[in-house]
Amino acid sequence: MKKKSPVVFMTTLACLAALMPTSAYAYLDPGTGAFAVQSLIAAVAGGLIAIRAYGRRILGMFWRSKAPPEDWPKDTSGNGHS
């Protein structure tokens, strides 16, 4: 039998602990809801700004080069591939 990693065990244990129902005797006032909505709006706005700022760089890694293979830069690492 294969021995499991302690990281996997701790992660599983943490997930199970987070999913266990507990009683929370707390009062949530309207300010808490407003804070949650404000956080959600800020996360969406931040995500949109990040996509706008870095979107072309990230998508550029997946676009094909329009240059034919003979125009590609030559490999100078010396590992035998050209």
PDB file of N, CA and C in Angstrom:
ATOM      1  N   MET A   1       0.838  -1.170   0.000  1.00  0.00           N
ATOM      2  CA  MET A   1       0.000   0.000   0.000  1.00  0.00           C
ATOM      3  C   MET A   1       0.893   1.247   0.000  1.00  0.00           C
ATOM      4  N   LYS A   2       0.531   2.198  -0.826  1.00  0.00           N
ATOM      5  CA  LYS A   2       1.306   3.421  -0.963  1.00  0.00           C
ATOM      6  C   LYS A   2       1.040   4.367   0.206  1.00  0.00           C
ATOM      7  N   LYS A   3       2.107   4.956   0.744  1.00  0.00           N
ATOM      8  CA  LYS A   3       1.960   5.898   1.842  1.00  0.00           C
ATOM      9  C   LYS A   3       1.588   7.268   1.276  1.00  0.00           C
ATOM     10  N   LYS A   4       0.546   7.870   1.834  1.00  0.00           N
ATOM     11  CA  LYS A   4       0.083   9.169   1.356  1.00  0.00           C
ATOM     12  C   LYS A   4       0.928  10.289   1.934  1.00  0.00           C
ATOM     13  N   SER A   5       1.012  11.341   1.179  1.00  0.00           N
ATOM     14  CA  SER A   5       1.776  12.510   1.592  1.00  0.00           C
ATOM     15  C   SER A   5       1.068  13.209   2.755  1.00  0.00           C
ATOM     16  N   PRO A   6       1.814  13.739   3.724  1.00  0.00           N
ATOM     17  CA  PRO A   6       1.166  14.459   4.828  1.00  0.00           C
ATOM     18  C   PRO A   6       0.458  15.729   4.361  1.00  0.00           C
ATOM     19  N   VAL A   7       0.900  16.292   3.237  1.00  0.00           N
ATOM     20  CA  VAL A   7       0.252  17.490   2.709  1.00  0.00           C
ATOM     21  C   VAL A   7      -1.159  17.147   2.245  1.00  0.00           C
ATOM     22  N   VAL A   8      -1.307  16.009   1.572  1.00  0.00           N
ATOM     23  CA  VAL A   8      -2.625  15.583   1.105  1.00  0.00           C
ATOM     24  C   VAL A   8      -3.536  15.324   2.300  1.00  0.00           C
ATOM     25  N   PHE A   9      -3.009  14.677   3.329  1.00  0.00           N
ATOM     26  CA  PHE A   9      -3.793  14.383   4.531  1.00  0.00           C
ATOM     27  C   PHE A   9      -4.256  15.672   5.204  1.00  0.00           C
ATOM     28  N   MET A  10      -3.349  16.631   5.364  1.00  0.00           N
ATOM     29  CA  MET A  10      -3.696  17.887   6.033  1.00  0.00           C
ATOM     30  C   MET A  10      -4.698  18.696   5.208  1.00  0.00           C
ATOM     31  N   THR A  11      -4.545  18.684   3.882  1.00  0.00           N
ATOM     32  CA  THR A  11      -5.478  19.396   3.021  1.00  0.00           C
ATOM     33  C   THR A  11      -6.867  18.779   3.117  1.00  0.00           C
ATOM     34  N   THR A  12      -6.932  17.458   3.088  1.00  0.00           N
ATOM     35  CA  THR A  12      -8.213  16.767   3.217  1.00  0.00           C
ATOM     36  C   THR A  12      -8.846  17.066   4.570  1.00  0.00           C
ATOM     37  N   LEU A  13      -8.053  17.030   5.605  1.00  0.00           N
ATOM     38  CA  LEU A  13      -8.554  17.311   6.949  1.00  0.00           C
ATOM     39  C   LEU A  13      -9.074  18.748   7.062  1.00  0.00           C
ATOM     40  N   ALA A  14      -8.360  19.695   6.478  1.00  0.00           N
ATOM     41  CA  ALA A  14      -8.780  21.093   6.515  1.00  0.00           C
ATOM     42  C   ALA A  14     -10.090  21.292   5.747  1.00  0.00           C
ATOM     43  N   CYS A  15     -10.228  20.630   4.601  1.00  0.00           N
ATOM     44  CA  CYS A  15     -11.463  20.743   3.817  1.00  0.00           C
ATOM     45  C   CYS A  15     -12.645  20.150   4.572  1.00  0.00           C
ATOM     46  N   LEU A  16     -12.436  19.007   5.205  1.00  0.00           N
ATOM     47  CA  LEU A  16     -13.512  18.397   5.983  1.00  0.00           C
ATOM     48  C   LEU A  16     -13.900  19.270   7.175  1.00  0.00           C
ATOM     49  N   ALA A  17     -12.929  19.869   7.825  1.00  0.00           N
ATOM     50  CA  ALA A  17     -13.219  20.745   8.960  1.00  0.00           C
ATOM     51  C   ALA A  17     -13.997  21.986   8.514  1.00  0.00           C
ATOM     52  N   ALA A  18     -13.685  22.495   7.334  1.00  0.00           N
ATOM     53  CA  ALA A  18     -14.383  23.679   6.834  1.00  0.00           C
ATOM     54  C   ALA A  18     -15.824  23.358   6.450  1.00  0.00           C
ATOM     55  N   LEU A  19     -16.084  22.121   6.056  1.00  0.00           N
ATOM     56  CA  LEU A  19     -17.426  21.740   5.629  1.00  0.00           C
ATOM     57  C   LEU A  19     -18.329  21.279   6.771  1.00  0.00           C
ATOM     58  N   MET A  20     -17.782  21.070   7.952  1.00  0.00           N
ATOM     59  CA  MET A  20     -18.589  20.611   9.075  1.00  0.00           C
ATOM     60  C   MET A  20     -19.478  21.748   9.570  1.00  0.00           C
ATOM     61  N   PRO A  21     -20.763  21.469   9.756  1.00  0.00           N
ATOM     62  CA  PRO A  21     -21.656  22.542  10.217  1.00  0.00           C
ATOM     63  C   PRO A  21     -21.413  22.874  11.688  1.00  0.00           C
ATOM     64  N   THR A  22     -21.400  24.137  11.953  1.00  0.00           N
ATOM     65  CA  THR A  22     -21.263  24.608  13.335  1.00  0.00           C
ATOM     66  C   THR A  22     -22.268  25.726  13.554  1.00  0.00           C
ATOM     67  N   SER A  23     -22.580  25.988  14.781  1.00  0.00           N
ATOM     68  CA  SER A  23     -23.487  27.081  15.103  1.00  0.00           C
ATOM     69  C   SER A  23     -22.676  28.360  15.248  1.00  0.00           C
ATOM     70  N   ALA A  24     -23.103  29.384  14.564  1.00  0.00           N
ATOM     71  CA  ALA A  24     -22.448  30.679  14.672  1.00  0.00           C
ATOM     72  C   ALA A  24     -23.442  31.643  15.290  1.00  0.00           C
ATOM     73  N   TYR A  25     -23.195  32.034  16.506  1.00  0.00           N
ATOM     74  CA  TYR A  25     -24.069  32.976  17.190  1.00  0.00           C
ATOM     75  C   TYR A  25     -23.515  34.371  16.940  1.00  0.00           C
ATOM     76  N   ALA A  26     -23.840  34.890  15.763  1.00  0.00           N
ATOM     77  CA  ALA A  26     -23.297  36.181  15.372  1.00  0.00           C
ATOM     78  C   ALA A  26     -24.418  37.048  14.797  1.00  0.00           C
ATOM     79  N   TYR A  27     -24.256  38.322  14.937  1.00  0.00           N
ATOM     80  CA  TYR A  27     -25.215  39.274  14.393  1.00  0.00           C
ATOM     81  C   TYR A  27     -24.596  39.905  13.154  1.00  0.00           C
ATOM     82  N   LEU A  28     -25.299  39.825  12.049  1.00  0.00           N
ATOM     83  CA  LEU A  28     -24.831  40.441  10.815  1.00  0.00           C
ATOM     84  C   LEU A  28     -25.697  41.665  10.537  1.00  0.00           C
ATOM     85  N   ASP A  29     -25.117  42.824  10.689  1.00  0.00           N
ATOM     86  CA  ASP A  29     -25.870  44.045  10.451  1.00  0.00           C
ATOM     87  C   ASP A  29     -25.810  44.426   8.973  1.00  0.00           C
ATOM     88  N   PRO A  30     -26.573  45.418   8.540  1.00  0.00           N
ATOM     89  CA  PRO A  30     -26.579  45.819   7.132  1.00  0.00           C
ATOM     90  C   PRO A  30     -25.203  46.263   6.621  1.00  0.00           C
ATOM     91  N   GLY A  31     -24.362  46.761   7.514  1.00  0.00           N
ATOM     92  CA  GLY A  31     -23.017  47.172   7.099  1.00  0.00           C
ATOM     93  C   GLY A  31     -22.186  45.991   6.607  1.00  0.00           C
ATOM     94  N   THR A  32     -22.441  44.811   7.177  1.00  0.00           N
ATOM     95  CA  THR A  32     -21.717  43.611   6.742  1.00  0.00           C
ATOM     96  C   THR A  32     -22.092  43.258   5.314  1.00  0.00           C
ATOM     97  N   GLY A  33     -23.376  43.340   4.993  1.00  0.00           N
ATOM     98  CA  GLY A  33     -23.824  43.065   3.627  1.00  0.00           C
ATOM     99  C   GLY A  33     -23.266  44.082   2.644  1.00  0.00           C
ATOM    100  N   ALA A  34     -23.241  45.343   3.048  1.00  0.00           N
ATOM    101  CA  ALA A  34     -22.696  46.381   2.179  1.00  0.00           C
ATOM    102  C   ALA A  34     -21.207  46.139   1.936  1.00  0.00           C
ATOM    103  N   PHE A  35     -20.490  45.696   2.969  1.00  0.00           N
ATOM    104  CA  PHE A  35     -19.065  45.399   2.819  1.00  0.00           C
ATOM    105  C   PHE A  35     -18.855  44.224   1.859  1.00  0.00           C
ATOM    106  N   ALA A  36     -19.714  43.206   1.945  1.00  0.00           N
ATOM    107  CA  ALA A  36     -19.607  42.060   1.052  1.00  0.00           C
ATOM    108  C   ALA A  36     -19.861  42.472  -0.401  1.00  0.00           C
ATOM    109  N   VAL A  37     -20.861  43.304  -0.623  1.00  0.00           N
ATOM    110  CA  VAL A  37     -21.157  43.780  -1.981  1.00  0.00           C
ATOM    111  C   VAL A  37     -20.005  44.638  -2.497  1.00  0.00           C
ATOM    112  N   GLN A  38     -19.461  45.496  -1.658  1.00  0.00           N
ATOM    113  CA  GLN A  38     -18.337  46.344  -2.047  1.00  0.00           C
ATOM    114  C   GLN A  38     -17.121  45.487  -2.410  1.00  0.00           C
ATOM    115  N   SER A  39     -16.869  44.434  -1.655  1.00  0.00           N
ATOM    116  CA  SER A  39     -15.746  43.537  -1.947  1.00  0.00           C
ATOM    117  C   SER A  39     -15.939  42.830  -3.272  1.00  0.00           C
ATOM    118  N   LEU A  40     -17.165  42.401  -3.543  1.00  0.00           N
ATOM    119  CA  LEU A  40     -17.461  41.728  -4.811  1.00  0.00           C
ATOM    120  C   LEU A  40     -17.260  42.670  -5.994  1.00  0.00           C
ATOM    121  N   ILE A  41     -17.733  43.889  -5.880  1.00  0.00           N
ATOM    122  CA  ILE A  41     -17.560  44.875  -6.950  1.00  0.00           C
ATOM    123  C   ILE A  41     -16.083  45.180  -7.163  1.00  0.00           C
ATOM    124  N   ALA A  42     -15.314  45.314  -6.076  1.00  0.00           N
ATOM    125  CA  ALA A  42     -13.883  45.592  -6.193  1.00  0.00           C
ATOM    126  C   ALA A  42     -13.146  44.430  -6.847  1.00  0.00           C
ATOM    127  N   ALA A  43     -13.534  43.194  -6.536  1.00  0.00           N
ATOM    128  CA  ALA A  43     -12.889  42.033  -7.146  1.00  0.00           C
ATOM    129  C   ALA A  43     -13.166  41.978  -8.644  1.00  0.00           C
ATOM    130  N   VAL A  44     -14.394  42.252  -9.035  1.00  0.00           N
ATOM    131  CA  VAL A  44     -14.737  42.252 -10.466  1.00  0.00           C
ATOM    132  C   VAL A  44     -13.990  43.371 -11.195  1.00  0.00           C
ATOM    133  N   ALA A  45     -13.972  44.557 -10.604  1.00  0.00           N
ATOM    134  CA  ALA A  45     -13.274  45.684 -11.233  1.00  0.00           C
ATOM    135  C   ALA A  45     -11.775  45.403 -11.341  1.00  0.00           C
ATOM    136  N   GLY A  46     -11.183  44.852 -10.304  1.00  0.00           N
ATOM    137  CA  GLY A  46      -9.759  44.511 -10.340  1.00  0.00           C
ATOM    138  C   GLY A  46      -9.456  43.457 -11.387  1.00  0.00           C
ATOM    139  N   GLY A  47     -10.326  42.471 -11.508  1.00  0.00           N
ATOM    140  CA  GLY A  47     -10.144  41.446 -12.535  1.00  0.00           C
ATOM    141  C   GLY A  47     -10.218  42.025 -13.936  1.00  0.00           C
ATOM    142  N   LEU A  48     -11.167  42.922 -14.160  1.00  0.00           N
ATOM    143  CA  LEU A  48     -11.290  43.546 -15.483  1.00  0.00           C
ATOM    144  C   LEU A  48     -10.065  44.407 -15.810  1.00  0.00           C
ATOM    145  N   ILE A  49      -9.558  45.130 -14.826  1.00  0.00           N
ATOM    146  CA  ILE A  49      -8.366  45.947 -15.057  1.00  0.00           C
ATOM    147  C   ILE A  49      -7.156  45.058 -15.344  1.00  0.00           C
ATOM    148  N   ALA A  50      -7.034  43.941 -14.621  1.00  0.00           N
ATOM    149  CA  ALA A  50      -5.917  43.021 -14.858  1.00  0.00           C
ATOM    150  C   ALA A  50      -6.005  42.411 -16.246  1.00  0.00           C
ATOM    151  N   ILE A  51      -7.208  42.046 -16.670  1.00  0.00           N
ATOM    152  CA  ILE A  51      -7.374  41.483 -18.016  1.00  0.00           C
ATOM    153  C   ILE A  51      -7.020  42.531 -19.064  1.00  0.00           C
ATOM    154  N   ARG A  52      -7.452  43.775 -18.821  1.00  0.00           N
ATOM    155  CA  ARG A  52      -7.146  44.833 -19.784  1.00  0.00           C
ATOM    156  C   ARG A  52      -5.641  45.111 -19.852  1.00  0.00           C
ATOM    157  N   ALA A  53      -4.967  45.062 -18.711  1.00  0.00           N
ATOM    158  CA  ALA A  53      -3.545  45.380 -18.674  1.00  0.00           C
ATOM    159  C   ALA A  53      -2.680  44.246 -19.214  1.00  0.00           C
ATOM    160  N   TYR A  54      -3.027  43.006 -18.877  1.00  0.00           N
ATOM    161  CA  TYR A  54      -2.160  41.879 -19.225  1.00  0.00           C
ATOM    162  C   TYR A  54      -2.783  40.904 -20.213  1.00  0.00           C
ATOM    163  N   GLY A  55      -3.962  41.197 -20.698  1.00  0.00           N
ATOM    164  CA  GLY A  55      -4.664  40.269 -21.585  1.00  0.00           C
ATOM    165  C   GLY A  55      -3.903  39.952 -22.860  1.00  0.00           C
ATOM    166  N   ARG A  56      -3.364  40.948 -23.514  1.00  0.00           N
ATOM    167  CA  ARG A  56      -2.630  40.703 -24.768  1.00  0.00           C
ATOM    168  C   ARG A  56      -1.365  39.884 -24.528  1.00  0.00           C
ATOM    169  N   ARG A  57      -0.698  40.116 -23.422  1.00  0.00           N
ATOM    170  CA  ARG A  57       0.518  39.344 -23.125  1.00  0.00           C
ATOM    171  C   ARG A  57       0.183  37.873 -22.882  1.00  0.00           C
ATOM    172  N   ILE A  58      -0.880  37.637 -22.151  1.00  0.00           N
ATOM    173  CA  ILE A  58      -1.265  36.262 -21.859  1.00  0.00           C
ATOM    174  C   ILE A  58      -1.761  35.574 -23.125  1.00  0.00           C
ATOM    175  N   LEU A  59      -2.626  36.242 -23.884  1.00  0.00           N
ATOM    176  CA  LEU A  59      -3.127  35.642 -25.122  1.00  0.00           C
ATOM    177  C   LEU A  59      -2.029  35.531 -26.174  1.00  0.00           C
ATOM    178  N   GLY A  60      -1.037  36.406 -26.117  1.00  0.00           N
ATOM    179  CA  GLY A  60       0.071  36.362 -27.065  1.00  0.00           C
ATOM    180  C   GLY A  60       0.860  35.061 -26.981  1.00  0.00           C
ATOM    181  N   MET A  61       0.859  34.425 -25.835  1.00  0.00           N
ATOM    182  CA  MET A  61       1.550  33.143 -25.695  1.00  0.00           C
ATOM    183  C   MET A  61       0.841  32.040 -26.469  1.00  0.00           C
ATOM    184  N   PHE A  62      -0.449  32.218 -26.753  1.00  0.00           N
ATOM    185  CA  PHE A  62      -1.213  31.183 -27.426  1.00  0.00           C
ATOM    186  C   PHE A  62      -1.415  31.452 -28.915  1.00  0.00           C
ATOM    187  N   TRP A  63      -1.108  32.665 -29.363  1.00  0.00           N
ATOM    188  CA  TRP A  63      -1.263  32.981 -30.772  1.00  0.00           C
ATOM    189  C   TRP A  63      -0.110  32.402 -31.567  1.00  0.00           C
ATOM    190  N   ARG A  64      -0.397  32.020 -32.803  1.00  0.00           N
ATOM    191  CA  ARG A  64       0.653  31.501 -33.682  1.00  0.00           C
ATOM    192  C   ARG A  64       1.412  32.665 -34.310  1.00  0.00           C
ATOM    193  N   SER A  65       2.677  32.421 -34.544  1.00  0.00           N
ATOM    194  CA  SER A  65       3.500  33.419 -35.212  1.00  0.00           C
ATOM    195  C   SER A  65       3.153  33.414 -36.694  1.00  0.00           C
ATOM    196  N   LYS A  66       3.084  34.594 -37.310  1.00  0.00           N
ATOM    197  CA  LYS A  66       2.769  34.683 -38.726  1.00  0.00           C
ATOM    198  C   LYS A  66       4.002  34.501 -39.595  1.00  0.00           C
ATOM    199  N   ALA A  67       5.180  34.490 -38.964  1.00  0.00           N
ATOM    200  CA  ALA A  67       6.419  34.328 -39.720  1.00  0.00           C
ATOM    201  C   ALA A  67       6.606  32.854 -40.080  1.00  0.00           C
ATOM    202  N   PRO A  68       7.089  32.557 -41.302  1.00  0.00           N
ATOM    203  CA  PRO A  68       7.355  31.172 -41.661  1.00  0.00           C
ATOM    204  C   PRO A  68       8.527  30.618 -40.837  1.00  0.00           C
ATOM    205  N   PRO A  69       8.637  29.283 -40.682  1.00  0.00           N
ATOM    206  CA  PRO A  69       9.680  28.693 -39.833  1.00  0.00           C
ATOM    207  C   PRO A  69      11.098  29.091 -40.212  1.00  0.00           C
ATOM    208  N   GLU A  70      11.368  29.336 -41.488  1.00  0.00           N
ATOM    209  CA  GLU A  70      12.736  29.693 -41.873  1.00  0.00           C
ATOM    210  C   GLU A  70      13.134  31.082 -41.369  1.00  0.00           C
ATOM    211  N   ASP A  71      12.150  31.908 -40.998  1.00  0.00           N
ATOM    212  CA  ASP A  71      12.439  33.232 -40.472  1.00  0.00           C
ATOM    213  C   ASP A  71      12.540  33.252 -38.942  1.00  0.00           C
ATOM    214  N   TRP A  72      12.288  32.120 -38.291  1.00  0.00           N
ATOM    215  CA  TRP A  72      12.363  32.055 -36.834  1.00  0.00           C
ATOM    216  C   TRP A  72      13.806  32.223 -36.393  1.00  0.00           C
ATOM    217  N   PRO A  73      14.042  32.770 -35.211  1.00  0.00           N
ATOM    218  CA  PRO A  73      15.417  32.918 -34.725  1.00  0.00           C
ATOM    219  C   PRO A  73      16.080  31.556 -34.539  1.00  0.00           C
ATOM    220  N   LYS A  74      17.359  31.498 -34.814  1.00  0.00           N
ATOM    221  CA  LYS A  74      18.112  30.248 -34.683  1.00  0.00           C
ATOM    222  C   LYS A  74      18.417  29.971 -33.223  1.00  0.00           C
ATOM    223  N   ASP A  75      18.463  28.694 -32.868  1.00  0.00           N
ATOM    224  CA  ASP A  75      18.767  28.273 -31.495  1.00  0.00           C
ATOM    225  C   ASP A  75      20.269  28.370 -31.289  1.00  0.00           C
ATOM    226  N   THR A  76      20.681  29.140 -30.316  1.00  0.00           N
ATOM    227  CA  THR A  76      22.116  29.299 -30.037  1.00  0.00           C
ATOM    228  C   THR A  76      22.488  28.662 -28.698  1.00  0.00           C
ATOM    229  N   SER A  77      21.613  27.777 -28.186  1.00  0.00           N
ATOM    230  CA  SER A  77      21.890  27.177 -26.889  1.00  0.00           C
ATOM    231  C   SER A  77      22.921  26.062 -26.990  1.00  0.00           C
ATOM    232  N   GLY A  78      23.171  25.539 -28.190  1.00  0.00           N
ATOM    233  CA  GLY A  78      24.174  24.509 -28.367  1.00  0.00           C
ATOM    234  C   GLY A  78      23.698  23.111 -28.011  1.00  0.00           C
ATOM    235  N   ASN A  79      22.384  22.901 -27.954  1.00  0.00           N
ATOM    236  CA  ASN A  79      21.900  21.570 -27.620  1.00  0.00           C
ATOM    237  C   ASN A  79      21.646  20.703 -28.857  1.00  0.00           C
ATOM    238  N   GLY A  80      22.021  21.153 -30.027  1.00  0.00           N
ATOM    239  CA  GLY A  80      21.908  20.353 -31.229  1.00  0.00           C
ATOM    240  C   GLY A  80      20.668  20.595 -32.054  1.00  0.00           C
ATOM    241  N   HIS A  81      19.698  21.298 -31.517  1.00  0.00           N
ATOM    242  CA  HIS A  81      18.498  21.591 -32.274  1.00  0.00           C
ATOM    243  C   HIS A  81      18.689  22.913 -32.988  1.00  0.00           C
ATOM    244  N   SER A  82      18.179  23.002 -34.203  1.00  0.00           N
ATOM    245  CA  SER A  82      18.337  24.263 -34.925  1.00  0.00           C
ATOM    246  C   SER A  82      17.074  25.074 -34.907  1.00  0.00           C
TER     247      SER A  82
END
